[in-house]
Amino acid sequence: MARPLHAIANDILADPNFKGRARQFATPHLRMLCHADTARDLVDGRYATTHIMYAVGGMATYKNRELIGELIDHWTNVKTEKVCATTRY
């Protein structure tokens, strides 16, 4: 089971290597993710998936790919669930 989004977001915000342009552009979205458990949660009127996409997009210069990968896994799981739900067998 994947860790909750708020744990991942808190780890990224606490990382001393999270600085520069990544901190500038991704911080608002990571702060929103601190209030979410899963990618399907509503945060500030939007699904957490939206904040995940914007946060990952803003973290192009962030070097910890493991934490970025965890965020992407949350987004990918929701995307896969939607495809499977609409597929007819």
N, C-alpha and C. Protein backbone atom coordinates (compact mmCIF):
# COMPACT_ATOMS: atom_id res chain seq x y z
N MET A 1 0.85 -1.19 0.00
CA MET A 1 0.00 0.00 0.00
C MET A 1 0.89 1.24 0.00
N ALA A 2 0.53 2.19 -0.79
CA ALA A 2 1.30 3.42 -0.89
C ALA A 2 1.08 4.28 0.36
N ARG A 3 2.07 5.08 0.65
CA ARG A 3 1.94 6.00 1.77
C ARG A 3 0.90 7.07 1.44
N PRO A 4 0.25 7.66 2.45
CA PRO A 4 -0.71 8.72 2.17
C PRO A 4 -0.01 9.95 1.59
N LEU A 5 -0.76 10.71 0.82
CA LEU A 5 -0.19 11.89 0.16
C LEU A 5 0.37 12.90 1.15
N HIS A 6 -0.30 13.08 2.28
CA HIS A 6 0.18 14.08 3.23
C HIS A 6 1.56 13.72 3.77
N ALA A 7 1.85 12.44 3.92
CA ALA A 7 3.17 12.02 4.41
C ALA A 7 4.25 12.31 3.36
N ILE A 8 3.94 12.04 2.09
CA ILE A 8 4.89 12.31 1.02
C ILE A 8 5.15 13.80 0.89
N ALA A 9 4.07 14.59 0.90
CA ALA A 9 4.21 16.04 0.77
C ALA A 9 5.02 16.63 1.93
N ASN A 10 4.77 16.16 3.14
CA ASN A 10 5.53 16.66 4.30
C ASN A 10 7.01 16.30 4.19
N ASP A 11 7.31 15.09 3.69
CA ASP A 11 8.71 14.69 3.50
C ASP A 11 9.42 15.58 2.49
N ILE A 12 8.74 15.91 1.41
CA ILE A 12 9.34 16.77 0.38
C ILE A 12 9.56 18.17 0.94
N LEU A 13 8.58 18.71 1.63
CA LEU A 13 8.71 20.07 2.19
C LEU A 13 9.81 20.15 3.25
N ALA A 14 10.04 19.05 3.97
CA ALA A 14 11.06 19.04 5.02
C ALA A 14 12.46 18.75 4.49
N ASP A 15 12.56 18.31 3.24
CA ASP A 15 13.86 17.96 2.66
C ASP A 15 14.72 19.21 2.45
N PRO A 16 15.95 19.25 3.00
CA PRO A 16 16.80 20.43 2.82
C PRO A 16 17.25 20.63 1.37
N ASN A 17 17.16 19.60 0.54
CA ASN A 17 17.52 19.74 -0.86
C ASN A 17 16.38 20.27 -1.73
N PHE A 18 15.23 20.45 -1.13
CA PHE A 18 14.08 21.02 -1.85
C PHE A 18 14.22 22.53 -1.77
N LYS A 19 14.80 23.10 -2.81
CA LYS A 19 15.11 24.54 -2.79
C LYS A 19 15.04 25.10 -4.20
N GLY A 20 15.28 26.38 -4.31
CA GLY A 20 15.32 27.04 -5.61
C GLY A 20 13.97 27.11 -6.29
N ARG A 21 13.99 26.88 -7.61
CA ARG A 21 12.77 26.98 -8.41
C ARG A 21 11.74 25.92 -8.02
N ALA A 22 12.22 24.75 -7.62
CA ALA A 22 11.30 23.70 -7.21
C ALA A 22 10.49 24.16 -6.00
N ARG A 23 11.16 24.73 -5.00
CA ARG A 23 10.46 25.22 -3.81
C ARG A 23 9.50 26.35 -4.18
N GLN A 24 9.92 27.21 -5.08
CA GLN A 24 9.11 28.36 -5.46
C GLN A 24 7.80 27.93 -6.14
N PHE A 25 7.87 26.98 -7.05
CA PHE A 25 6.70 26.64 -7.85
C PHE A 25 5.86 25.50 -7.30
N ALA A 26 6.45 24.58 -6.57
CA ALA A 26 5.71 23.40 -6.12
C ALA A 26 5.15 23.54 -4.71
N THR A 27 5.69 24.44 -3.91
CA THR A 27 5.28 24.54 -2.51
C THR A 27 3.78 24.76 -2.31
N PRO A 28 3.13 25.67 -3.05
CA PRO A 28 1.68 25.85 -2.81
C PRO A 28 0.88 24.56 -3.03
N HIS A 29 1.24 23.79 -4.03
CA HIS A 29 0.51 22.56 -4.31
C HIS A 29 0.84 21.47 -3.30
N LEU A 30 2.09 21.42 -2.85
CA LEU A 30 2.45 20.45 -1.81
C LEU A 30 1.76 20.77 -0.50
N ARG A 31 1.58 22.04 -0.20
CA ARG A 31 0.86 22.41 1.02
C ARG A 31 -0.59 21.98 0.95
N MET A 32 -1.17 22.06 -0.24
CA MET A 32 -2.55 21.55 -0.42
C MET A 32 -2.59 20.04 -0.24
N LEU A 33 -1.56 19.34 -0.73
CA LEU A 33 -1.51 17.88 -0.61
C LEU A 33 -1.32 17.44 0.84
N CYS A 34 -0.87 18.34 1.70
CA CYS A 34 -0.73 18.01 3.13
C CYS A 34 -2.08 17.73 3.78
N HIS A 35 -3.18 18.07 3.08
CA HIS A 35 -4.53 17.86 3.61
C HIS A 35 -5.22 16.67 2.95
N ALA A 36 -4.49 15.89 2.15
CA ALA A 36 -5.10 14.78 1.41
C ALA A 36 -4.47 13.45 1.80
N ASP A 37 -5.28 12.41 1.75
CA ASP A 37 -4.78 11.06 1.97
C ASP A 37 -4.59 10.32 0.65
N THR A 38 -5.55 10.48 -0.25
CA THR A 38 -5.48 9.81 -1.55
C THR A 38 -5.65 10.83 -2.67
N ALA A 39 -5.40 10.40 -3.89
CA ALA A 39 -5.51 11.28 -5.04
C ALA A 39 -6.95 11.64 -5.35
N ARG A 40 -7.91 10.90 -4.82
CA ARG A 40 -9.33 11.18 -5.06
C ARG A 40 -9.92 12.19 -4.07
N ASP A 41 -9.18 12.60 -3.08
CA ASP A 41 -9.68 13.55 -2.09
C ASP A 41 -9.85 14.94 -2.71
N LEU A 42 -10.88 15.64 -2.26
CA LEU A 42 -11.07 17.03 -2.69
C LEU A 42 -10.30 17.94 -1.75
N VAL A 43 -9.48 18.81 -2.33
CA VAL A 43 -8.70 19.75 -1.55
C VAL A 43 -8.87 21.12 -2.18
N ASP A 44 -9.44 22.06 -1.45
CA ASP A 44 -9.64 23.41 -1.94
C ASP A 44 -10.46 23.42 -3.24
N GLY A 45 -11.45 22.55 -3.32
CA GLY A 45 -12.34 22.51 -4.47
C GLY A 45 -11.81 21.76 -5.67
N ARG A 46 -10.65 21.17 -5.58
CA ARG A 46 -10.07 20.39 -6.68
C ARG A 46 -9.67 19.02 -6.16
N TYR A 47 -9.66 18.07 -7.08
CA TYR A 47 -9.15 16.75 -6.69
C TYR A 47 -7.65 16.83 -6.47
N ALA A 48 -7.15 16.01 -5.60
CA ALA A 48 -5.72 16.01 -5.29
C ALA A 48 -4.88 15.68 -6.52
N THR A 49 -5.45 14.98 -7.50
CA THR A 49 -4.69 14.66 -8.71
C THR A 49 -4.22 15.93 -9.41
N THR A 50 -5.04 16.96 -9.40
CA THR A 50 -4.65 18.24 -10.01
C THR A 50 -3.44 18.82 -9.32
N HIS A 51 -3.46 18.81 -7.99
CA HIS A 51 -2.32 19.34 -7.24
C HIS A 51 -1.07 18.48 -7.43
N ILE A 52 -1.25 17.16 -7.58
CA ILE A 52 -0.11 16.29 -7.85
C ILE A 52 0.55 16.67 -9.16
N MET A 53 -0.27 16.85 -10.21
CA MET A 53 0.29 17.19 -11.53
C MET A 53 1.04 18.52 -11.50
N TYR A 54 0.45 19.53 -10.86
CA TYR A 54 1.11 20.82 -10.77
C TYR A 54 2.39 20.76 -9.92
N ALA A 55 2.34 20.00 -8.83
CA ALA A 55 3.52 19.88 -7.96
C ALA A 55 4.66 19.18 -8.70
N VAL A 56 4.36 18.09 -9.38
CA VAL A 56 5.39 17.36 -10.12
C VAL A 56 5.95 18.23 -11.24
N GLY A 57 5.09 18.97 -11.91
CA GLY A 57 5.55 19.88 -12.96
C GLY A 57 6.47 20.96 -12.44
N GLY A 58 6.22 21.43 -11.22
CA GLY A 58 7.04 22.47 -10.64
C GLY A 58 8.33 21.97 -10.02
N MET A 59 8.48 20.65 -9.90
CA MET A 59 9.66 20.09 -9.26
C MET A 59 10.68 19.55 -10.27
N ALA A 60 10.81 20.19 -11.40
CA ALA A 60 11.74 19.70 -12.43
C ALA A 60 13.20 19.71 -11.95
N THR A 61 13.54 20.62 -11.06
CA THR A 61 14.93 20.71 -10.60
C THR A 61 15.17 19.94 -9.29
N TYR A 62 14.14 19.32 -8.75
CA TYR A 62 14.27 18.57 -7.49
C TYR A 62 14.89 17.21 -7.79
N LYS A 63 15.90 16.85 -7.04
CA LYS A 63 16.71 15.66 -7.34
C LYS A 63 16.20 14.35 -6.73
N ASN A 64 15.33 14.40 -5.74
CA ASN A 64 14.88 13.18 -5.07
C ASN A 64 13.77 12.53 -5.91
N ARG A 65 14.17 11.71 -6.85
CA ARG A 65 13.23 11.07 -7.77
C ARG A 65 12.36 10.02 -7.08
N GLU A 66 12.80 9.51 -5.95
CA GLU A 66 12.03 8.52 -5.23
C GLU A 66 10.72 9.13 -4.71
N LEU A 67 10.81 10.32 -4.12
CA LEU A 67 9.61 10.98 -3.61
C LEU A 67 8.71 11.45 -4.75
N ILE A 68 9.31 11.94 -5.83
CA ILE A 68 8.51 12.34 -6.99
C ILE A 68 7.79 11.11 -7.56
N GLY A 69 8.48 9.98 -7.59
CA GLY A 69 7.88 8.75 -8.07
C GLY A 69 6.68 8.32 -7.24
N GLU A 70 6.75 8.52 -5.93
CA GLU A 70 5.62 8.19 -5.07
C GLU A 70 4.40 9.04 -5.41
N LEU A 71 4.62 10.33 -5.68
CA LEU A 71 3.51 11.19 -6.09
C LEU A 71 2.91 10.73 -7.41
N ILE A 72 3.77 10.42 -8.35
CA ILE A 72 3.31 9.97 -9.67
C ILE A 72 2.54 8.65 -9.55
N ASP A 73 2.97 7.77 -8.65
CA ASP A 73 2.25 6.51 -8.44
C ASP A 73 0.81 6.75 -7.99
N HIS A 74 0.60 7.74 -7.12
CA HIS A 74 -0.77 8.06 -6.70
C HIS A 74 -1.60 8.51 -7.88
N TRP A 75 -1.04 9.36 -8.72
CA TRP A 75 -1.76 9.87 -9.89
C TRP A 75 -2.02 8.74 -10.89
N THR A 76 -1.04 7.88 -11.10
CA THR A 76 -1.18 6.79 -12.06
C THR A 76 -2.23 5.79 -11.61
N ASN A 77 -2.32 5.51 -10.31
CA ASN A 77 -3.32 4.57 -9.81
C ASN A 77 -4.72 5.06 -10.09
N VAL A 78 -4.98 6.34 -9.92
CA VAL A 78 -6.30 6.90 -10.18
C VAL A 78 -6.60 6.83 -11.67
N LYS A 79 -5.62 7.16 -12.50
CA LYS A 79 -5.80 7.11 -13.94
C LYS A 79 -6.12 5.69 -14.40
N THR A 80 -5.43 4.70 -13.87
CA THR A 80 -5.64 3.30 -14.23
C THR A 80 -7.03 2.83 -13.78
N GLU A 81 -7.46 3.25 -12.59
CA GLU A 81 -8.78 2.86 -12.10
C GLU A 81 -9.87 3.36 -13.02
N LYS A 82 -9.73 4.59 -13.54
CA LYS A 82 -10.74 5.16 -14.43
C LYS A 82 -10.80 4.36 -15.73
N VAL A 83 -9.66 3.99 -16.28
CA VAL A 83 -9.64 3.22 -17.52
C VAL A 83 -10.27 1.86 -17.31
N CYS A 84 -9.94 1.20 -16.22
CA CYS A 84 -10.49 -0.13 -15.94
C CYS A 84 -12.00 -0.07 -15.71
N ALA A 85 -12.48 1.00 -15.12
CA ALA A 85 -13.90 1.13 -14.83
C ALA A 85 -14.71 1.31 -16.11
N THR A 86 -14.12 1.90 -17.16
CA THR A 86 -14.86 2.14 -18.39
C THR A 86 -14.65 1.07 -19.44
N THR A 87 -13.75 0.13 -19.20
CA THR A 87 -13.45 -0.92 -20.17
C THR A 87 -14.48 -2.04 -20.05
N ARG A 88 -14.98 -2.49 -21.18
CA ARG A 88 -15.93 -3.60 -21.18
C ARG A 88 -15.19 -4.88 -21.52
N TYR A 89 -15.54 -5.93 -20.84
CA TYR A 89 -14.88 -7.22 -21.08
C TYR A 89 -15.75 -8.12 -21.89
